[in-house]
Each structure stands twice: as C-alpha cells, then as structure tokens.
N, C-alpha and C. Protein backbone atom coordinates (compact mmCIF):
# COMPACT_ATOMS: atom_id res chain seq x y z
N MET A 1 182.98 128.05 61.48
CA MET A 1 182.30 127.76 60.23
C MET A 1 181.40 126.52 60.35
N PRO A 2 181.77 125.52 61.15
CA PRO A 2 180.89 124.36 61.25
C PRO A 2 179.54 124.72 61.86
N PHE A 3 179.52 125.74 62.75
CA PHE A 3 178.25 126.15 63.35
C PHE A 3 177.30 126.69 62.28
N ALA A 4 177.81 127.50 61.37
CA ALA A 4 176.99 128.06 60.30
C ALA A 4 176.46 126.95 59.40
N ALA A 5 177.27 125.95 59.14
CA ALA A 5 176.82 124.83 58.31
C ALA A 5 175.72 124.05 59.01
N ASP A 6 175.84 123.87 60.33
CA ASP A 6 174.81 123.17 61.09
C ASP A 6 173.50 123.94 61.09
N VAL A 7 173.59 125.25 61.26
CA VAL A 7 172.38 126.09 61.25
C VAL A 7 171.72 126.05 59.88
N LEU A 8 172.53 126.13 58.84
CA LEU A 8 171.99 126.08 57.48
C LEU A 8 171.33 124.73 57.20
N THR A 9 171.95 123.65 57.62
CA THR A 9 171.37 122.32 57.43
C THR A 9 170.05 122.19 58.17
N PHE A 10 170.00 122.69 59.40
CA PHE A 10 168.77 122.64 60.19
C PHE A 10 167.67 123.47 59.54
N ALA A 11 168.02 124.66 59.06
CA ALA A 11 167.03 125.53 58.41
C ALA A 11 166.50 124.89 57.13
N LEU A 12 167.37 124.29 56.35
CA LEU A 12 166.92 123.64 55.12
C LEU A 12 166.01 122.46 55.42
N ARG A 13 166.30 121.72 56.48
CA ARG A 13 165.45 120.59 56.85
C ARG A 13 164.06 121.08 57.24
N LEU A 14 163.98 122.21 57.94
CA LEU A 14 162.68 122.77 58.32
C LEU A 14 161.90 123.24 57.10
N VAL A 15 162.59 123.86 56.16
CA VAL A 15 161.92 124.37 54.96
C VAL A 15 161.43 123.23 54.09
N GLU A 16 162.23 122.20 53.93
CA GLU A 16 161.84 121.08 53.08
C GLU A 16 160.68 120.30 53.67
N GLN A 17 160.63 120.20 54.99
CA GLN A 17 159.59 119.39 55.63
C GLN A 17 158.22 120.04 55.48
N GLY A 18 158.05 121.25 55.92
CA GLY A 18 156.79 121.96 55.82
C GLY A 18 155.71 121.35 56.70
N PRO A 19 154.55 121.98 56.77
CA PRO A 19 153.47 121.45 57.60
C PRO A 19 152.79 120.26 56.92
N GLU A 20 152.16 119.45 57.73
CA GLU A 20 151.42 118.30 57.21
C GLU A 20 150.13 118.79 56.55
N PRO A 21 149.67 118.10 55.50
CA PRO A 21 148.44 118.53 54.82
C PRO A 21 147.22 118.58 55.73
N GLU A 22 147.13 117.69 56.72
CA GLU A 22 145.96 117.71 57.60
C GLU A 22 146.02 118.86 58.60
N ASP A 23 147.19 119.50 58.73
CA ASP A 23 147.31 120.64 59.63
C ASP A 23 146.96 121.96 58.95
N VAL A 24 146.90 121.97 57.65
CA VAL A 24 146.65 123.20 56.90
C VAL A 24 145.35 123.04 56.13
N LYS A 25 144.46 124.02 56.28
CA LYS A 25 143.22 123.98 55.52
C LYS A 25 142.77 125.41 55.24
N ALA A 26 142.02 125.55 54.19
CA ALA A 26 141.45 126.86 53.87
C ALA A 26 140.26 127.07 54.80
N GLY A 27 140.18 128.24 55.37
CA GLY A 27 139.12 128.49 56.33
C GLY A 27 138.05 129.42 55.78
N TRP A 28 136.91 129.39 56.43
CA TRP A 28 135.80 130.25 56.03
C TRP A 28 136.11 131.71 56.34
N THR A 29 136.89 131.94 57.37
CA THR A 29 137.24 133.31 57.73
C THR A 29 138.05 133.97 56.62
N ALA A 30 139.03 133.26 56.10
CA ALA A 30 139.84 133.80 55.01
C ALA A 30 139.00 134.02 53.76
N PHE A 31 138.07 133.11 53.50
CA PHE A 31 137.19 133.27 52.34
C PHE A 31 136.29 134.49 52.51
N ALA A 32 135.80 134.72 53.72
CA ALA A 32 134.97 135.90 53.98
C ALA A 32 135.77 137.18 53.81
N ILE A 33 137.02 137.17 54.27
CA ILE A 33 137.88 138.34 54.09
C ILE A 33 138.12 138.59 52.61
N PHE A 34 138.36 137.53 51.84
CA PHE A 34 138.56 137.66 50.40
C PHE A 34 137.33 138.26 49.74
N LEU A 35 136.14 137.76 50.09
CA LEU A 35 134.91 138.30 49.50
C LEU A 35 134.71 139.76 49.90
N ALA A 36 135.06 140.11 51.13
CA ALA A 36 134.94 141.50 51.56
C ALA A 36 135.88 142.40 50.76
N LEU A 37 137.09 141.92 50.50
CA LEU A 37 138.03 142.71 49.70
C LEU A 37 137.53 142.87 48.27
N VAL A 38 136.93 141.83 47.71
CA VAL A 38 136.36 141.94 46.37
C VAL A 38 135.24 142.98 46.36
N ALA A 39 134.39 142.95 47.38
CA ALA A 39 133.29 143.92 47.46
C ALA A 39 133.83 145.35 47.59
N VAL A 40 134.89 145.54 48.36
CA VAL A 40 135.48 146.87 48.52
C VAL A 40 136.05 147.37 47.20
N VAL A 41 136.72 146.50 46.46
CA VAL A 41 137.29 146.91 45.16
C VAL A 41 136.17 147.28 44.19
N ILE A 42 135.09 146.51 44.18
CA ILE A 42 133.96 146.84 43.30
C ILE A 42 133.35 148.18 43.71
N PHE A 43 133.17 148.40 45.01
CA PHE A 43 132.63 149.67 45.49
C PHE A 43 133.52 150.84 45.09
N LEU A 44 134.84 150.69 45.25
CA LEU A 44 135.76 151.76 44.87
C LEU A 44 135.73 152.01 43.37
N GLY A 45 135.56 150.97 42.57
CA GLY A 45 135.46 151.15 41.12
C GLY A 45 134.22 151.96 40.75
N PHE A 46 133.07 151.60 41.34
CA PHE A 46 131.85 152.36 41.05
C PHE A 46 131.98 153.81 41.53
N SER A 47 132.60 154.01 42.68
CA SER A 47 132.79 155.35 43.21
C SER A 47 133.69 156.17 42.29
N LEU A 48 134.74 155.56 41.78
CA LEU A 48 135.64 156.25 40.86
C LEU A 48 134.90 156.69 39.61
N PHE A 49 134.13 155.79 39.00
CA PHE A 49 133.40 156.15 37.79
C PHE A 49 132.37 157.23 38.06
N LYS A 50 131.74 157.20 39.23
CA LYS A 50 130.77 158.23 39.59
C LYS A 50 131.46 159.59 39.68
N GLN A 51 132.62 159.64 40.32
CA GLN A 51 133.35 160.90 40.44
C GLN A 51 133.84 161.39 39.09
N LEU A 52 134.29 160.48 38.24
CA LEU A 52 134.74 160.88 36.91
C LEU A 52 133.59 161.46 36.09
N ARG A 53 132.40 160.89 36.22
CA ARG A 53 131.23 161.45 35.51
C ARG A 53 130.91 162.84 36.04
N ARG A 54 131.00 163.04 37.36
CA ARG A 54 130.73 164.36 37.94
C ARG A 54 131.75 165.39 37.45
N VAL A 55 133.01 165.01 37.40
CA VAL A 55 134.05 165.92 36.94
C VAL A 55 133.82 166.28 35.48
N GLU A 56 133.48 165.31 34.66
CA GLU A 56 133.22 165.58 33.24
C GLU A 56 132.02 166.50 33.07
N ALA A 57 130.95 166.27 33.84
CA ALA A 57 129.77 167.14 33.76
C ALA A 57 130.11 168.56 34.22
N ALA A 58 130.91 168.68 35.26
CA ALA A 58 131.31 170.01 35.73
C ALA A 58 132.20 170.70 34.71
N ARG A 59 133.06 169.95 34.05
CA ARG A 59 133.92 170.55 33.03
C ARG A 59 133.08 171.06 31.87
N LYS A 60 132.09 170.28 31.46
CA LYS A 60 131.23 170.72 30.36
C LYS A 60 130.38 171.92 30.76
N ALA A 61 130.04 172.03 32.05
CA ALA A 61 129.24 173.16 32.53
C ALA A 61 130.09 174.41 32.73
N GLY A 62 131.39 174.31 32.60
CA GLY A 62 132.25 175.47 32.73
C GLY A 62 132.65 175.80 34.14
N VAL A 63 132.55 174.87 35.04
CA VAL A 63 132.88 175.12 36.44
C VAL A 63 134.36 175.45 36.60
N TYR A 64 135.19 174.86 35.80
CA TYR A 64 136.63 175.02 35.96
C TYR A 64 137.19 176.20 35.18
N GLY A 65 136.36 176.97 34.51
CA GLY A 65 136.83 178.12 33.75
C GLY A 65 137.35 177.71 32.39
N GLU A 66 137.91 178.69 31.71
CA GLU A 66 138.44 178.43 30.37
C GLU A 66 139.70 177.59 30.46
N PRO A 67 139.87 176.69 29.51
CA PRO A 67 141.11 175.90 29.51
C PRO A 67 142.30 176.79 29.18
N ALA A 68 143.42 176.48 29.74
CA ALA A 68 144.63 177.25 29.50
C ALA A 68 145.07 177.07 28.06
N GLU A 69 145.66 178.14 27.52
CA GLU A 69 146.15 178.03 26.14
C GLU A 69 147.34 177.10 26.11
N GLU A 70 147.43 176.36 25.04
CA GLU A 70 148.56 175.46 24.90
C GLU A 70 149.78 176.28 24.53
N PRO A 71 150.92 175.99 25.11
CA PRO A 71 152.12 176.77 24.78
C PRO A 71 152.52 176.56 23.32
N SER A 72 152.91 177.66 22.71
CA SER A 72 153.34 177.55 21.31
C SER A 72 154.74 176.98 21.26
N GLU A 73 155.03 176.33 20.17
CA GLU A 73 156.35 175.72 20.02
C GLU A 73 157.38 176.81 19.72
N ARG A 74 158.51 176.72 20.36
CA ARG A 74 159.59 177.67 20.10
C ARG A 74 160.49 177.09 19.03
N VAL A 75 160.88 177.97 18.14
CA VAL A 75 161.75 177.52 17.05
C VAL A 75 163.15 177.98 17.28
C-alpha cells in the first residue's frame, strides 16, 4: 500500500506543477487549423442548404410521386 501512496503523491505533484507559462504558447499553426475548420463548417452549411433547396424543388415538381396516405386512427 505504501507504493500506491507514493505513486499517487508523485502523480499529484506532476499535475499540480504543470508546464511553465513561457513553455506554452498559442501557435499560428493551431490558429490556421482552427480557421480551416471554421471554413469547412461554413462550406458544409451552405452545401446543406443548397441540397435542401434542391429536394424541396424536386418535391414540388413531383419527382418523388404522390405522398403516402396518412394512416387512419383506429378506434
């Protein structure tokens, strides 16, 4: 049991200490990746709306056939 306590004490000391502020900085590479992800999300949003407009236009044009009848309620 003393070994587990020593390991736990060592692990807690490592967690509490953390890296020095001068060793950690925000980089331009991470910022570029973030901007690329934002651009991809915007592109996917526009693509989704474009496809939804196409589906709605096709539905109005009758491409999908007649809508199915709604089931009647059973009493």
